[in-house]
């Protein structure tokens, strides 16, 4: 049996939470992590948006563009 390879984040969380916590605390921690990652993603998207010089019209066009591969029976 092989030992799983944990990321540095997983190891840190395992060390930090090596005891049981309440379900309420667990949910709060999940919300904090989700909020952090969402903010980080939003900043990255804003950076790409600015680098590419995109406009609101570009987004509207993209939202209404059909990009799927046609279905072949």
Protein backbone atom coordinates (compact mmCIF):
# COMPACT_ATOMS: atom_id res chain seq x y z
CA UNK A 1 0.00 0.00 0.00
CA UNK A 2 1.32 3.40 -1.02
CA UNK A 3 1.32 6.39 1.33
CA UNK A 4 -0.72 9.27 -0.07
CA UNK A 5 1.24 12.36 -1.12
CA UNK A 6 -0.18 15.40 0.61
CA UNK A 7 0.30 18.98 -0.57
CA UNK A 8 1.80 21.54 1.77
CA UNK A 9 -1.72 22.93 2.31
CA UNK A 10 -3.12 19.52 3.25
CA UNK A 11 -0.27 18.88 5.69
CA UNK A 12 -0.72 22.30 7.29
CA UNK A 13 -4.45 21.75 7.72
CA UNK A 14 -3.92 18.26 9.12
CA UNK A 15 -1.49 19.66 11.70
CA UNK A 16 -3.71 22.60 12.51
CA UNK A 17 -6.85 20.53 12.98
CA UNK A 18 -5.57 17.37 14.60
CA UNK A 19 -8.56 17.45 16.97
CA UNK A 20 -12.30 17.34 16.47
CA UNK A 21 -14.11 20.62 15.98
CA UNK A 22 -17.79 21.39 15.89
CA UNK A 23 -19.75 21.18 12.64
CA UNK A 24 -20.46 24.90 12.99
CA UNK A 25 -16.74 25.71 13.17
CA UNK A 26 -16.02 23.41 10.23
CA UNK A 27 -18.63 25.20 8.11
CA UNK A 28 -17.21 28.59 9.10
CA UNK A 29 -13.69 27.50 8.14
CA UNK A 30 -14.93 26.19 4.79
CA UNK A 31 -16.64 29.54 4.15
CA UNK A 32 -13.43 31.43 4.99
CA UNK A 33 -11.36 29.29 2.63
CA UNK A 34 -13.98 29.58 -0.12
CA UNK A 35 -14.15 33.35 0.30
CA UNK A 36 -10.34 33.64 0.16
CA UNK A 37 -10.11 31.54 -3.01
CA UNK A 38 -13.00 33.42 -4.66
CA UNK A 39 -11.34 36.77 -3.94
CA UNK A 40 -8.04 35.49 -5.31
CA UNK A 41 -9.76 34.25 -8.48
CA UNK A 42 -11.60 37.55 -8.89
CA UNK A 43 -8.33 39.49 -8.70
CA UNK A 44 -6.76 37.19 -11.29
CA UNK A 45 -9.76 37.59 -13.60
CA UNK A 46 -9.58 41.39 -13.21
CA UNK A 47 -5.88 41.29 -14.10
CA UNK A 48 -6.53 39.24 -17.26
CA UNK A 49 -9.47 41.52 -18.14
CA UNK A 50 -7.22 44.59 -17.94
CA UNK A 51 -4.28 42.94 -19.75
CA UNK A 52 -6.52 41.98 -22.66
CA UNK A 53 -8.32 45.33 -22.68
CA UNK A 54 -11.75 43.68 -22.51
CA UNK A 55 -14.96 45.69 -22.30
CA UNK A 56 -18.49 45.01 -21.07
CA UNK A 57 -19.51 44.65 -24.73
CA UNK A 58 -16.89 41.89 -25.15
CA UNK A 59 -18.47 40.04 -22.22
CA UNK A 60 -21.98 40.42 -23.65
CA UNK A 61 -20.76 39.07 -27.00
CA UNK A 62 -19.08 36.12 -25.29
CA UNK A 63 -22.19 35.36 -23.26
CA UNK A 64 -24.26 35.08 -26.44
CA UNK A 65 -21.70 33.16 -28.52
CA UNK A 66 -22.38 29.49 -29.21
CA UNK A 67 -19.06 27.65 -28.68
CA UNK A 68 -20.24 24.04 -28.35
CA UNK A 69 -19.14 21.34 -30.72
CA UNK A 70 -22.08 20.27 -32.92
CA UNK A 71 -23.65 16.96 -31.97
CA UNK A 72 -22.98 14.19 -34.49
CA UNK A 73 -25.35 11.19 -34.28
